Amino acid sequence: MTAEHDNRFLTIEQVAEELNSKTSLIRTLIQTGQLRAFQVGPRGFWRVGRQDLEDYIADAYQRTAERIASGELTDDVPKGD
């Protein structure tokens, strides 16, 4: 199996790690339909397709850009540590 094939579907924990977020946020995104996911197997484990995650990220960038353009958000990037 190739590395690309291994990463085709991600667990909620892997998605949280990629987005540097908590699993509770990822579950909320799934429950509200903002992030596509599906259940697999008899125990109903949740999986997120790699492309679905990439689409979510692209949409988040687009929404942020639109909010900046409308003046809803400033384009100031928060200062790091």
PDB file of N, CA and C in Angstrom:
ATOM      1  N   MET A   1       0.836  -1.178   0.000  1.00  0.00           N
ATOM      2  CA  MET A   1       0.000   0.000   0.000  1.00  0.00           C
ATOM      3  C   MET A   1       0.882   1.243   0.000  1.00  0.00           C
ATOM      4  N   THR A   2       0.506   2.247  -0.762  1.00  0.00           N
ATOM      5  CA  THR A   2       1.302   3.468  -0.816  1.00  0.00           C
ATOM      6  C   THR A   2       0.956   4.382   0.348  1.00  0.00           C
ATOM      7  N   ALA A   3       1.863   5.311   0.630  1.00  0.00           N
ATOM      8  CA  ALA A   3       1.609   6.280   1.707  1.00  0.00           C
ATOM      9  C   ALA A   3       0.382   7.116   1.384  1.00  0.00           C
ATOM     10  N   GLU A   4       0.196   7.438   0.099  1.00  0.00           N
ATOM     11  CA  GLU A   4      -0.971   8.225  -0.310  1.00  0.00           C
ATOM     12  C   GLU A   4      -2.250   7.469   0.013  1.00  0.00           C
ATOM     13  N   HIS A   5      -2.269   6.171  -0.264  1.00  0.00           N
ATOM     14  CA  HIS A   5      -3.454   5.356   0.007  1.00  0.00           C
ATOM     15  C   HIS A   5      -3.696   5.237   1.513  1.00  0.00           C
ATOM     16  N   ASP A   6      -2.621   5.128   2.291  1.00  0.00           N
ATOM     17  CA  ASP A   6      -2.749   5.027   3.746  1.00  0.00           C
ATOM     18  C   ASP A   6      -3.423   6.257   4.338  1.00  0.00           C
ATOM     19  N   ASN A   7      -3.250   7.415   3.734  1.00  0.00           N
ATOM     20  CA  ASN A   7      -3.791   8.665   4.261  1.00  0.00           C
ATOM     21  C   ASN A   7      -5.091   9.079   3.598  1.00  0.00           C
ATOM     22  N   ARG A   8      -5.713   8.204   2.842  1.00  0.00           N
ATOM     23  CA  ARG A   8      -6.946   8.565   2.141  1.00  0.00           C
ATOM     24  C   ARG A   8      -8.063   8.900   3.121  1.00  0.00           C
ATOM     25  N   PHE A   9      -8.132   8.164   4.225  1.00  0.00           N
ATOM     26  CA  PHE A   9      -9.146   8.398   5.244  1.00  0.00           C
ATOM     27  C   PHE A   9      -8.462   8.621   6.581  1.00  0.00           C
ATOM     28  N   LEU A  10      -8.955   9.602   7.322  1.00  0.00           N
ATOM     29  CA  LEU A  10      -8.349   9.990   8.589  1.00  0.00           C
ATOM     30  C   LEU A  10      -9.323   9.775   9.738  1.00  0.00           C
ATOM     31  N   THR A  11      -8.790   9.470  10.901  1.00  0.00           N
ATOM     32  CA  THR A  11      -9.613   9.391  12.105  1.00  0.00           C
ATOM     33  C   THR A  11      -9.890  10.811  12.597  1.00  0.00           C
ATOM     34  N   ILE A  12     -10.831  10.930  13.507  1.00  0.00           N
ATOM     35  CA  ILE A  12     -11.115  12.233  14.104  1.00  0.00           C
ATOM     36  C   ILE A  12      -9.865  12.764  14.803  1.00  0.00           C
ATOM     37  N   GLU A  13      -9.126  11.895  15.445  1.00  0.00           N
ATOM     38  CA  GLU A  13      -7.907  12.303  16.138  1.00  0.00           C
ATOM     39  C   GLU A  13      -6.866  12.830  15.154  1.00  0.00           C
ATOM     40  N   GLN A  14      -6.726  12.174  14.003  1.00  0.00           N
ATOM     41  CA  GLN A  14      -5.768  12.632  13.001  1.00  0.00           C
ATOM     42  C   GLN A  14      -6.168  13.989  12.425  1.00  0.00           C
ATOM     43  N   VAL A  15      -7.469  14.182  12.198  1.00  0.00           N
ATOM     44  CA  VAL A  15      -7.952  15.470  11.689  1.00  0.00           C
ATOM     45  C   VAL A  15      -7.666  16.563  12.716  1.00  0.00           C
ATOM     46  N   ALA A  16      -7.939  16.277  13.981  1.00  0.00           N
ATOM     47  CA  ALA A  16      -7.677  17.254  15.042  1.00  0.00           C
ATOM     48  C   ALA A  16      -6.198  17.621  15.079  1.00  0.00           C
ATOM     49  N   GLU A  17      -5.346  16.638  14.926  1.00  0.00           N
ATOM     50  CA  GLU A  17      -3.906  16.899  14.922  1.00  0.00           C
ATOM     51  C   GLU A  17      -3.519  17.770  13.729  1.00  0.00           C
ATOM     52  N   GLU A  18      -4.056  17.466  12.563  1.00  0.00           N
ATOM     53  CA  GLU A  18      -3.733  18.249  11.363  1.00  0.00           C
ATOM     54  C   GLU A  18      -4.176  19.699  11.490  1.00  0.00           C
ATOM     55  N   LEU A  19      -5.329  19.914  12.140  1.00  0.00           N
ATOM     56  CA  LEU A  19      -5.858  21.270  12.293  1.00  0.00           C
ATOM     57  C   LEU A  19      -5.409  21.921  13.605  1.00  0.00           C
ATOM     58  N   ASN A  20      -4.594  21.195  14.375  1.00  0.00           N
ATOM     59  CA  ASN A  20      -4.129  21.692  15.675  1.00  0.00           C
ATOM     60  C   ASN A  20      -5.322  22.109  16.535  1.00  0.00           C
ATOM     61  N   SER A  21      -6.301  21.222  16.595  1.00  0.00           N
ATOM     62  CA  SER A  21      -7.558  21.477  17.300  1.00  0.00           C
ATOM     63  C   SER A  21      -7.875  20.314  18.227  1.00  0.00           C
ATOM     64  N   LYS A  22      -8.923  20.479  18.990  1.00  0.00           N
ATOM     65  CA  LYS A  22      -9.397  19.405  19.864  1.00  0.00           C
ATOM     66  C   LYS A  22     -10.363  18.509  19.100  1.00  0.00           C
ATOM     67  N   THR A  23     -10.450  17.257  19.521  1.00  0.00           N
ATOM     68  CA  THR A  23     -11.374  16.333  18.865  1.00  0.00           C
ATOM     69  C   THR A  23     -12.816  16.791  19.029  1.00  0.00           C
ATOM     70  N   SER A  24     -13.119  17.483  20.119  1.00  0.00           N
ATOM     71  CA  SER A  24     -14.495  17.964  20.317  1.00  0.00           C
ATOM     72  C   SER A  24     -14.892  18.954  19.225  1.00  0.00           C
ATOM     73  N   LEU A  25     -13.956  19.792  18.776  1.00  0.00           N
ATOM     74  CA  LEU A  25     -14.250  20.717  17.681  1.00  0.00           C
ATOM     75  C   LEU A  25     -14.506  19.946  16.394  1.00  0.00           C
ATOM     76  N   ILE A  26     -13.707  18.932  16.124  1.00  0.00           N
ATOM     77  CA  ILE A  26     -13.878  18.144  14.900  1.00  0.00           C
ATOM     78  C   ILE A  26     -15.237  17.451  14.925  1.00  0.00           C
ATOM     79  N   ARG A  27     -15.619  16.905  16.065  1.00  0.00           N
ATOM     80  CA  ARG A  27     -16.934  16.258  16.181  1.00  0.00           C
ATOM     81  C   ARG A  27     -18.057  17.266  15.934  1.00  0.00           C
ATOM     82  N   THR A  28     -17.905  18.483  16.443  1.00  0.00           N
ATOM     83  CA  THR A  28     -18.909  19.523  16.210  1.00  0.00           C
ATOM     84  C   THR A  28     -18.985  19.872  14.731  1.00  0.00           C
ATOM     85  N   LEU A  29     -17.843  19.996  14.072  1.00  0.00           N
ATOM     86  CA  LEU A  29     -17.832  20.293  12.636  1.00  0.00           C
ATOM     87  C   LEU A  29     -18.547  19.196  11.850  1.00  0.00           C
ATOM     88  N   ILE A  30     -18.355  17.953  12.263  1.00  0.00           N
ATOM     89  CA  ILE A  30     -19.027  16.830  11.600  1.00  0.00           C
ATOM     90  C   ILE A  30     -20.528  16.874  11.885  1.00  0.00           C
ATOM     91  N   GLN A  31     -20.899  17.074  13.145  1.00  0.00           N
ATOM     92  CA  GLN A  31     -22.317  17.089  13.534  1.00  0.00           C
ATOM     93  C   GLN A  31     -23.090  18.209  12.849  1.00  0.00           C
ATOM     94  N   THR A  32     -22.439  19.345  12.615  1.00  0.00           N
ATOM     95  CA  THR A  32     -23.113  20.488  11.988  1.00  0.00           C
ATOM     96  C   THR A  32     -23.021  20.467  10.468  1.00  0.00           C
ATOM     97  N   GLY A  33     -22.363  19.450   9.919  1.00  0.00           N
ATOM     98  CA  GLY A  33     -22.273  19.325   8.473  1.00  0.00           C
ATOM     99  C   GLY A  33     -21.215  20.198   7.826  1.00  0.00           C
ATOM    100  N   GLN A  34     -20.381  20.831   8.624  1.00  0.00           N
ATOM    101  CA  GLN A  34     -19.330  21.673   8.064  1.00  0.00           C
ATOM    102  C   GLN A  34     -18.163  20.853   7.527  1.00  0.00           C
ATOM    103  N   LEU A  35     -17.986  19.649   8.073  1.00  0.00           N
ATOM    104  CA  LEU A  35     -16.927  18.743   7.643  1.00  0.00           C
ATOM    105  C   LEU A  35     -17.565  17.396   7.342  1.00  0.00           C
ATOM    106  N   ARG A  36     -17.403  16.945   6.108  1.00  0.00           N
ATOM    107  CA  ARG A  36     -17.981  15.659   5.715  1.00  0.00           C
ATOM    108  C   ARG A  36     -17.228  14.514   6.365  1.00  0.00           C
ATOM    109  N   ALA A  37     -17.990  13.517   6.814  1.00  0.00           N
ATOM    110  CA  ALA A  37     -17.407  12.328   7.420  1.00  0.00           C
ATOM    111  C   ALA A  37     -18.395  11.183   7.275  1.00  0.00           C
ATOM    112  N   PHE A  38     -17.920   9.989   7.534  1.00  0.00           N
ATOM    113  CA  PHE A  38     -18.796   8.822   7.459  1.00  0.00           C
ATOM    114  C   PHE A  38     -18.376   7.816   8.515  1.00  0.00           C
ATOM    115  N   GLN A  39     -19.319   6.929   8.836  1.00  0.00           N
ATOM    116  CA  GLN A  39     -19.040   5.865   9.789  1.00  0.00           C
ATOM    117  C   GLN A  39     -18.734   4.585   9.029  1.00  0.00           C
ATOM    118  N   VAL A  40     -17.812   3.807   9.583  1.00  0.00           N
ATOM    119  CA  VAL A  40     -17.396   2.578   8.930  1.00  0.00           C
ATOM    120  C   VAL A  40     -17.333   1.450   9.963  1.00  0.00           C
ATOM    121  N   GLY A  41     -17.675   0.271   9.507  1.00  0.00           N
ATOM    122  CA  GLY A  41     -17.565  -0.908  10.353  1.00  0.00           C
ATOM    123  C   GLY A  41     -18.698  -1.055  11.349  1.00  0.00           C
ATOM    124  N   PRO A  42     -18.764  -2.222  11.974  1.00  0.00           N
ATOM    125  CA  PRO A  42     -19.847  -2.510  12.913  1.00  0.00           C
ATOM    126  C   PRO A  42     -19.810  -1.633  14.166  1.00  0.00           C
ATOM    127  N   ARG A  43     -18.649  -1.087  14.499  1.00  0.00           N
ATOM    128  CA  ARG A  43     -18.553  -0.228  15.682  1.00  0.00           C
ATOM    129  C   ARG A  43     -18.767   1.241  15.337  1.00  0.00           C
ATOM    130  N   GLY A  44     -18.927   1.548  14.059  1.00  0.00           N
ATOM    131  CA  GLY A  44     -19.257   2.904  13.646  1.00  0.00           C
ATOM    132  C   GLY A  44     -18.156   3.926  13.832  1.00  0.00           C
ATOM    133  N   PHE A  45     -16.908   3.526  13.571  1.00  0.00           N
ATOM    134  CA  PHE A  45     -15.805   4.473  13.665  1.00  0.00           C
ATOM    135  C   PHE A  45     -15.964   5.561  12.610  1.00  0.00           C
ATOM    136  N   TRP A  46     -15.709   6.807  12.983  1.00  0.00           N
ATOM    137  CA  TRP A  46     -15.817   7.929  12.058  1.00  0.00           C
ATOM    138  C   TRP A  46     -14.523   8.097  11.276  1.00  0.00           C
ATOM    139  N   ARG A  47     -14.680   8.415   9.986  1.00  0.00           N
ATOM    140  CA  ARG A  47     -13.542   8.693   9.117  1.00  0.00           C
ATOM    141  C   ARG A  47     -13.853   9.933   8.291  1.00  0.00           C
ATOM    142  N   VAL A  48     -12.805  10.694   8.022  1.00  0.00           N
ATOM    143  CA  VAL A  48     -12.897  11.886   7.181  1.00  0.00           C
ATOM    144  C   VAL A  48     -11.986  11.655   5.988  1.00  0.00           C
ATOM    145  N   GLY A  49     -12.519  11.837   4.798  1.00  0.00           N
ATOM    146  CA  GLY A  49     -11.701  11.693   3.603  1.00  0.00           C
ATOM    147  C   GLY A  49     -10.672  12.809   3.519  1.00  0.00           C
ATOM    148  N   ARG A  50      -9.478  12.466   3.074  1.00  0.00           N
ATOM    149  CA  ARG A  50      -8.409  13.460   2.919  1.00  0.00           C
ATOM    150  C   ARG A  50      -8.902  14.634   2.075  1.00  0.00           C
ATOM    151  N   GLN A  51      -9.588  14.349   0.962  1.00  0.00           N
ATOM    152  CA  GLN A  51     -10.069  15.428   0.095  1.00  0.00           C
ATOM    153  C   GLN A  51     -11.132  16.271   0.798  1.00  0.00           C
ATOM    154  N   ASP A  52     -11.972  15.646   1.615  1.00  0.00           N
ATOM    155  CA  ASP A  52     -12.973  16.404   2.376  1.00  0.00           C
ATOM    156  C   ASP A  52     -12.297  17.366   3.350  1.00  0.00           C
ATOM    157  N   LEU A  53     -11.213  16.931   3.972  1.00  0.00           N
ATOM    158  CA  LEU A  53     -10.469  17.820   4.861  1.00  0.00           C
ATOM    159  C   LEU A  53      -9.842  18.962   4.071  1.00  0.00           C
ATOM    160  N   GLU A  54      -9.247  18.646   2.931  1.00  0.00           N
ATOM    161  CA  GLU A  54      -8.644  19.690   2.093  1.00  0.00           C
ATOM    162  C   GLU A  54      -9.702  20.686   1.624  1.00  0.00           C
ATOM    163  N   ASP A  55     -10.890  20.191   1.274  1.00  0.00           N
ATOM    164  CA  ASP A  55     -11.988  21.081   0.863  1.00  0.00           C
ATOM    165  C   ASP A  55     -12.419  21.980   2.015  1.00  0.00           C
ATOM    166  N   TYR A  56     -12.506  21.423   3.217  1.00  0.00           N
ATOM    167  CA  TYR A  56     -12.879  22.213   4.391  1.00  0.00           C
ATOM    168  C   TYR A  56     -11.866  23.333   4.617  1.00  0.00           C
ATOM    169  N   ILE A  57     -10.589  23.007   4.512  1.00  0.00           N
ATOM    170  CA  ILE A  57      -9.536  24.007   4.714  1.00  0.00           C
ATOM    171  C   ILE A  57      -9.631  25.102   3.659  1.00  0.00           C
ATOM    172  N   ALA A  58      -9.820  24.717   2.399  1.00  0.00           N
ATOM    173  CA  ALA A  58      -9.949  25.713   1.326  1.00  0.00           C
ATOM    174  C   ALA A  58     -11.157  26.617   1.565  1.00  0.00           C
ATOM    175  N   ASP A  59     -12.270  26.030   1.985  1.00  0.00           N
ATOM    176  CA  ASP A  59     -13.474  26.823   2.286  1.00  0.00           C
ATOM    177  C   ASP A  59     -13.225  27.774   3.454  1.00  0.00           C
ATOM    178  N   ALA A  60     -12.494  27.315   4.462  1.00  0.00           N
ATOM    179  CA  ALA A  60     -12.192  28.163   5.621  1.00  0.00           C
ATOM    180  C   ALA A  60     -11.341  29.356   5.203  1.00  0.00           C
ATOM    181  N   TYR A  61     -10.360  29.125   4.332  1.00  0.00           N
ATOM    182  CA  TYR A  61      -9.559  30.233   3.804  1.00  0.00           C
ATOM    183  C   TYR A  61     -10.449  31.221   3.056  1.00  0.00           C
ATOM    184  N   GLN A  62     -11.344  30.703   2.227  1.00  0.00           N
ATOM    185  CA  GLN A  62     -12.229  31.561   1.433  1.00  0.00           C
ATOM    186  C   GLN A  62     -13.150  32.382   2.330  1.00  0.00           C
ATOM    187  N   ARG A  63     -13.766  31.733   3.310  1.00  0.00           N
ATOM    188  CA  ARG A  63     -14.653  32.449   4.239  1.00  0.00           C
ATOM    189  C   ARG A  63     -13.896  33.538   4.996  1.00  0.00           C
ATOM    190  N   THR A  64     -12.683  33.229   5.423  1.00  0.00           N
ATOM    191  CA  THR A  64     -11.877  34.211   6.145  1.00  0.00           C
ATOM    192  C   THR A  64     -11.548  35.397   5.255  1.00  0.00           C
ATOM    193  N   ALA A  65     -11.161  35.133   4.014  1.00  0.00           N
ATOM    194  CA  ALA A  65     -10.847  36.216   3.078  1.00  0.00           C
ATOM    195  C   ALA A  65     -12.067  37.095   2.835  1.00  0.00           C
ATOM    196  N   GLU A  66     -13.231  36.479   2.704  1.00  0.00           N
ATOM    197  CA  GLU A  66     -14.466  37.247   2.491  1.00  0.00           C
ATOM    198  C   GLU A  66     -14.797  38.103   3.707  1.00  0.00           C
ATOM    199  N   ARG A  67     -14.575  37.573   4.901  1.00  0.00           N
ATOM    200  CA  ARG A  67     -14.854  38.338   6.124  1.00  0.00           C
ATOM    201  C   ARG A  67     -13.879  39.507   6.270  1.00  0.00           C
ATOM    202  N   ILE A  68     -12.633  39.302   5.875  1.00  0.00           N
ATOM    203  CA  ILE A  68     -11.664  40.399   5.895  1.00  0.00           C
ATOM    204  C   ILE A  68     -12.068  41.464   4.890  1.00  0.00           C
ATOM    205  N   ALA A  69     -12.425  41.032   3.674  1.00  0.00           N
ATOM    206  CA  ALA A  69     -12.808  41.976   2.616  1.00  0.00           C
ATOM    207  C   ALA A  69     -14.043  42.784   2.998  1.00  0.00           C
ATOM    208  N   SER A  70     -14.970  42.186   3.727  1.00  0.00           N
ATOM    209  CA  SER A  70     -16.197  42.886   4.112  1.00  0.00           C
ATOM    210  C   SER A  70     -15.998  43.784   5.335  1.00  0.00           C
ATOM    211  N   GLY A  71     -14.838  43.687   5.971  1.00  0.00           N
ATOM    212  CA  GLY A  71     -14.570  44.484   7.161  1.00  0.00           C
ATOM    213  C   GLY A  71     -15.018  43.822   8.447  1.00  0.00           C
ATOM    214  N   GLU A  72     -15.597  42.640   8.328  1.00  0.00           N
ATOM    215  CA  GLU A  72     -16.049  41.920   9.520  1.00  0.00           C
ATOM    216  C   GLU A  72     -14.859  41.510  10.392  1.00  0.00           C
ATOM    217  N   LEU A  73     -13.749  41.183   9.750  1.00  0.00           N
ATOM    218  CA  LEU A  73     -12.505  40.852  10.445  1.00  0.00           C
ATOM    219  C   LEU A  73     -11.423  41.808   9.976  1.00  0.00           C
ATOM    220  N   THR A  74     -10.480  42.093  10.847  1.00  0.00           N
ATOM    221  CA  THR A  74      -9.323  42.856  10.397  1.00  0.00           C
ATOM    222  C   THR A  74      -8.332  41.874   9.801  1.00  0.00           C
ATOM    223  N   ASP A  75      -7.431  42.379   9.003  1.00  0.00           N
ATOM    224  CA  ASP A  75      -6.436  41.485   8.412  1.00  0.00           C
ATOM    225  C   ASP A  75      -5.181  41.403   9.278  1.00  0.00           C
ATOM    226  N   ASP A  76      -5.283  41.879  10.531  1.00  0.00           N
ATOM    227  CA  ASP A  76      -4.161  41.771  11.463  1.00  0.00           C
ATOM    228  C   ASP A  76      -3.996  40.317  11.879  1.00  0.00           C
ATOM    229  N   VAL A  77      -2.807  39.807  11.713  1.00  0.00           N
ATOM    230  CA  VAL A  77      -2.512  38.443  12.131  1.00  0.00           C
ATOM    231  C   VAL A  77      -2.135  38.490  13.606  1.00  0.00           C
ATOM    232  N   PRO A  78      -2.730  37.625  14.428  1.00  0.00           N
ATOM    233  CA  PRO A  78      -2.389  37.639  15.859  1.00  0.00           C
ATOM    234  C   PRO A  78      -0.897  37.403  16.064  1.00  0.00           C
ATOM    235  N   LYS A  79      -0.354  38.053  17.058  1.00  0.00           N
ATOM    236  CA  LYS A  79       1.063  37.897  17.389  1.00  0.00           C
ATOM    237  C   LYS A  79       1.272  36.569  18.111  1.00  0.00           C
ATOM    238  N   GLY A  80       2.350  35.894  17.776  1.00  0.00           N
ATOM    239  CA  GLY A  80       2.689  34.631  18.428  1.00  0.00           C
ATOM    240  C   GLY A  80       3.487  34.871  19.685  1.00  0.00           C
ATOM    241  N   ASP A  81       3.900  33.782  20.293  1.00  0.00           N
ATOM    242  CA  ASP A  81       4.713  33.889  21.519  1.00  0.00           C
ATOM    243  C   ASP A  81       6.105  34.356  21.199  1.00  0.00           C
TER     244      ASP A  81
END
